[in-house]
Amino acid sequence: EQSWIDEFEANSDKVHIVRDGTNPGFGGGVNKGAAGALGNLLLVINPDAVLRRGSLARLVAAMEKRAEPVLVGGKIFDIHGREERGARRNTLTLLRAMGLGKWTLENDPPPRNSIEVGAVSGAFFMMDRQAFRKMGGFDEGYFLHVEDVDLCRRVLKSGGSVVYQPHAGALHYGSTSDVPSEAVVEHKARSLVKYFRKFANGPLERLIVTLISPVMVRALKARR
């Protein structure tokens, strides 16, 4: 696979592969790529996803006349055409995580046009390059999972917009990583605890997060 990628880069003046021999995590990897990017817009898309034709123009159009900075994501679907979980969500709060409110929206009727939401998926989104850098990019304290939810929340807190464009899409093949599922769950659990502590509303909520963190971790592992 690596030799194919190297050959592809060698035959194109528009491709540059960033390799430093480390694994900084998802957010850290995206930040490294963004640091060397030259275009006005950044497109972040998982390596196991294929962009649907015409999606880039639709993402760009959905950014128009929105409060800046703007982060826009599209529909992520599986090989059967079914919308996957996480492409459109409300802002993640502790109450929603505890089941007291709706977080993910993929079971809601699809919107006819682009709409503002609380969060989109880091597996497929577009953002102005300079805006991404001014936001500090992804928080590299998350190794895997939740860094996208964190970025979306920071965009909204800064007065910007998070947008879901249903007419832009990416086919997600999934299950292409060799990482054991237990490791993925462990990273997700740690990331959720970090997120809730980071955005806790005062000392009482931080205390609640500390108290329920072990339960949350066990629940995630039990769902695997």
Protein backbone atom coordinates (compact mmCIF):
# COMPACT_ATOMS: atom_id res chain seq x y z
CA GLU A 1 0.00 0.00 0.00
CA GLN A 2 2.78 2.44 0.89
CA SER A 3 4.58 1.84 -2.39
CA TRP A 4 1.36 2.62 -4.29
CA ILE A 5 0.97 5.87 -2.38
CA ASP A 6 4.59 6.83 -3.00
CA GLU A 7 4.17 6.18 -6.72
CA PHE A 8 1.01 8.24 -6.77
CA GLU A 9 2.81 11.15 -5.13
CA ALA A 10 5.76 10.86 -7.52
CA ASN A 11 3.45 11.17 -10.54
CA SER A 12 1.50 14.18 -9.29
CA ASP A 13 2.59 17.72 -8.54
CA LYS A 14 -0.55 18.26 -6.42
CA VAL A 15 0.08 15.54 -3.83
CA HIS A 16 2.37 15.83 -0.85
CA ILE A 17 2.59 13.06 1.75
CA VAL A 18 3.57 14.07 5.27
CA ARG A 19 5.49 11.32 7.06
CA ASP A 20 7.56 11.63 10.24
CA GLY A 21 7.52 8.07 11.54
CA THR A 22 5.22 8.80 14.49
CA ASN A 23 1.54 8.30 15.21
CA PRO A 24 0.29 11.56 16.75
CA GLY A 25 -3.34 10.43 16.72
CA PHE A 26 -6.14 11.55 14.41
CA GLY A 27 -6.22 15.20 15.41
CA GLY A 28 -2.45 15.47 15.51
CA GLY A 29 -2.20 13.95 12.05
CA VAL A 30 -4.75 16.36 10.60
CA ASN A 31 -2.96 19.29 12.24
CA LYS A 32 0.33 18.25 10.62
CA GLY A 33 -1.34 18.07 7.22
CA ALA A 34 -3.07 21.42 7.71
CA ALA A 35 0.23 23.05 8.71
CA GLY A 36 1.65 22.27 5.28
CA ALA A 37 -1.47 23.02 3.25
CA LEU A 38 -1.43 25.96 0.83
CA GLY A 39 -5.02 26.27 -0.39
CA ASN A 40 -7.71 28.52 1.05
CA LEU A 41 -9.89 25.58 2.15
CA LEU A 42 -9.14 22.38 4.03
CA LEU A 43 -11.00 19.18 3.27
CA VAL A 44 -10.64 16.49 5.91
CA ILE A 45 -11.82 13.02 4.85
CA ASN A 46 -11.06 9.58 6.24
CA PRO A 47 -8.71 7.39 4.18
CA ASP A 48 -11.42 4.69 4.09
CA ALA A 49 -13.97 7.05 2.53
CA VAL A 50 -14.71 8.01 -1.07
CA LEU A 51 -16.02 11.46 -1.96
CA ARG A 52 -19.29 11.61 -3.88
CA ARG A 53 -19.07 13.59 -7.10
CA GLY A 54 -20.11 17.23 -6.79
CA SER A 55 -19.73 17.28 -3.01
CA LEU A 56 -16.94 19.86 -2.82
CA ALA A 57 -18.96 22.56 -4.58
CA ARG A 58 -21.93 21.84 -2.29
CA LEU A 59 -19.79 22.14 0.81
CA VAL A 60 -18.42 25.48 -0.39
CA ALA A 61 -21.92 26.76 -1.17
CA ALA A 62 -23.14 25.78 2.30
CA MET A 63 -20.47 28.02 3.84
CA GLU A 64 -21.88 31.17 2.24
CA LYS A 65 -23.66 33.77 4.39
CA ARG A 66 -22.86 31.97 7.65
CA ALA A 67 -21.32 33.44 10.77
CA GLU A 68 -17.58 32.82 10.65
CA PRO A 69 -15.66 30.67 11.30
CA VAL A 70 -17.63 28.06 9.39
CA LEU A 71 -17.16 24.31 9.62
CA VAL A 72 -19.32 22.29 7.23
CA GLY A 73 -19.77 18.53 7.01
CA GLY A 74 -21.78 16.25 4.78
CA LYS A 75 -23.63 12.96 4.81
CA ILE A 76 -21.54 9.88 5.54
CA PHE A 77 -23.09 6.65 4.31
CA ASP A 78 -22.16 2.97 4.19
CA ILE A 79 -21.93 0.64 1.18
CA HIS A 80 -25.71 0.09 1.40
CA GLY A 81 -26.43 3.82 1.21
CA ARG A 82 -27.49 4.08 4.85
CA GLU A 83 -26.55 7.22 6.75
CA GLU A 84 -23.99 6.50 9.43
CA ARG A 85 -24.10 7.73 12.98
CA GLY A 86 -22.41 11.00 13.83
CA ALA A 87 -22.54 13.08 10.66
CA ARG A 88 -25.14 15.42 12.19
CA ARG A 89 -25.50 15.93 15.91
CA ASN A 90 -26.53 18.34 18.61
CA THR A 91 -23.83 19.73 20.88
CA LEU A 92 -22.66 17.00 23.23
CA THR A 93 -23.48 17.84 26.84
CA LEU A 94 -23.25 15.76 29.97
CA LEU A 95 -27.04 15.51 30.19
CA ARG A 96 -27.30 14.27 26.61
CA ALA A 97 -24.56 11.74 27.25
CA MET A 98 -26.61 10.47 30.19
CA GLY A 99 -29.63 10.00 27.92
CA LEU A 100 -31.43 13.18 28.98
CA GLY A 101 -31.78 14.67 25.52
CA LYS A 102 -31.06 13.80 21.92
CA TRP A 103 -27.49 13.94 20.66
CA THR A 104 -27.25 12.19 17.28
CA LEU A 105 -29.73 13.13 14.55
CA GLU A 106 -29.26 10.48 11.85
CA ASN A 107 -32.68 8.97 12.62
CA ASP A 108 -34.42 12.32 12.05
CA PRO A 109 -35.81 13.00 8.56
CA PRO A 110 -33.00 14.32 6.36
CA PRO A 111 -33.12 18.10 5.85
CA ARG A 112 -33.87 19.35 2.35
CA ASN A 113 -31.09 21.92 2.47
CA SER A 114 -28.03 22.70 4.56
CA ILE A 115 -28.78 23.39 8.22
CA GLU A 116 -26.83 24.56 11.25
CA VAL A 117 -26.21 21.85 13.84
CA GLY A 118 -24.20 21.29 17.00
CA ALA A 119 -21.57 19.00 15.52
CA VAL A 120 -20.56 17.11 12.39
CA SER A 121 -18.08 14.29 11.91
CA GLY A 122 -14.34 14.76 11.68
CA ALA A 123 -14.34 11.99 9.08
CA PHE A 124 -15.65 14.42 6.43
CA PHE A 125 -15.70 18.20 6.74
CA MET A 126 -14.44 21.42 5.18
CA MET A 127 -13.13 24.59 6.81
CA ASP A 128 -11.24 27.70 5.82
CA ARG A 129 -7.55 26.96 6.31
CA GLN A 130 -6.76 30.18 8.17
CA ALA A 131 -9.83 29.80 10.37
CA PHE A 132 -8.80 26.26 11.27
CA ARG A 133 -5.37 27.51 12.30
CA LYS A 134 -6.78 30.43 14.29
CA MET A 135 -8.96 27.97 16.18
CA GLY A 136 -5.81 26.05 17.04
CA GLY A 137 -6.85 23.10 14.91
CA PHE A 138 -7.76 19.90 16.70
CA ASP A 139 -6.96 19.58 20.39
CA GLU A 140 -4.16 17.01 20.33
CA GLY A 141 -4.98 15.98 23.87
CA TYR A 142 -7.45 13.60 22.23
CA PHE A 143 -5.64 10.73 20.57
CA LEU A 144 -8.73 9.24 18.91
CA HIS A 145 -12.44 10.17 19.02
CA VAL A 146 -14.27 13.28 20.26
CA GLU A 147 -11.70 15.74 18.85
CA ASP A 148 -14.25 16.63 16.15
CA VAL A 149 -16.99 17.29 18.71
CA ASP A 150 -14.54 19.46 20.64
CA LEU A 151 -13.63 21.50 17.55
CA CYS A 152 -17.27 22.03 16.63
CA ARG A 153 -18.06 23.23 20.13
CA ARG A 154 -15.17 25.70 20.04
CA VAL A 155 -16.34 27.01 16.66
CA LEU A 156 -19.80 27.65 18.10
CA LYS A 157 -18.41 29.25 21.27
CA SER A 158 -16.40 31.64 19.10
CA GLY A 159 -19.61 32.79 17.40
CA GLY A 160 -19.14 30.69 14.26
CA SER A 161 -21.30 28.14 12.48
CA VAL A 162 -21.34 24.36 12.20
CA VAL A 163 -23.28 23.28 9.13
CA TYR A 164 -24.60 19.96 7.82
CA GLN A 165 -24.96 19.74 4.03
CA PRO A 166 -27.09 16.67 3.15
CA HIS A 167 -26.27 16.92 -0.57
CA ALA A 168 -22.54 16.46 -0.04
CA GLY A 169 -21.57 12.90 0.73
CA ALA A 170 -18.81 10.40 1.37
CA LEU A 171 -19.03 6.63 1.12
CA HIS A 172 -17.41 5.17 4.23
CA TYR A 173 -16.12 1.64 3.82
CA GLY A 174 -15.05 1.33 7.46
CA SER A 175 -13.26 -1.50 9.28
CA THR A 176 -9.98 -0.87 7.45
CA SER A 177 -7.85 -0.33 10.55
CA ASP A 178 -5.77 -3.02 12.25
CA VAL A 179 -6.16 -1.39 15.66
CA PRO A 180 -7.86 -3.79 18.15
CA SER A 181 -11.40 -2.75 19.08
CA GLU A 182 -10.49 -2.74 22.79
CA ALA A 183 -7.89 -0.05 22.15
CA VAL A 184 -10.38 2.07 20.21
CA VAL A 185 -12.92 1.83 23.05
CA GLU A 186 -10.24 2.79 25.56
CA HIS A 187 -9.31 5.89 23.56
CA LYS A 188 -12.97 6.86 23.19
CA ALA A 189 -13.58 6.53 26.91
CA ARG A 190 -10.55 8.67 27.77
CA SER A 191 -11.57 11.27 25.19
CA LEU A 192 -15.10 11.57 26.56
CA VAL A 193 -13.81 12.08 30.09
CA LYS A 194 -11.39 14.76 28.85
CA TYR A 195 -14.16 16.49 26.87
CA PHE A 196 -16.62 16.68 29.75
CA ARG A 197 -13.97 17.97 32.12
CA LYS A 198 -12.86 20.57 29.59
CA PHE A 199 -16.36 21.94 28.98
CA ALA A 200 -17.78 21.45 32.48
CA ASN A 201 -19.94 24.35 33.66
CA GLY A 202 -18.36 25.04 37.02
CA PRO A 203 -16.94 22.94 39.85
CA LEU A 204 -20.16 21.01 40.51
CA GLU A 205 -20.29 19.63 36.97
CA ARG A 206 -16.57 18.80 37.11
CA LEU A 207 -17.24 16.85 40.30
CA ILE A 208 -20.11 14.98 38.62
CA VAL A 209 -17.83 14.12 35.70
CA THR A 210 -15.21 12.76 38.09
CA LEU A 211 -17.79 10.66 39.91
CA ILE A 212 -19.45 9.15 36.84
CA SER A 213 -16.31 8.69 34.73
CA PRO A 214 -15.67 5.08 35.88
CA VAL A 215 -19.29 4.18 35.15
CA MET A 216 -19.11 5.78 31.71
CA VAL A 217 -15.92 3.90 30.87
CA ARG A 218 -17.43 0.57 31.96
CA ALA A 219 -20.59 1.25 29.96
CA LEU A 220 -18.60 1.93 26.80
CA LYS A 221 -16.59 -1.25 27.21
CA ALA A 222 -19.73 -3.27 27.84
CA ARG A 223 -21.30 -1.99 24.60
CA ARG A 224 -18.35 -3.16 22.51
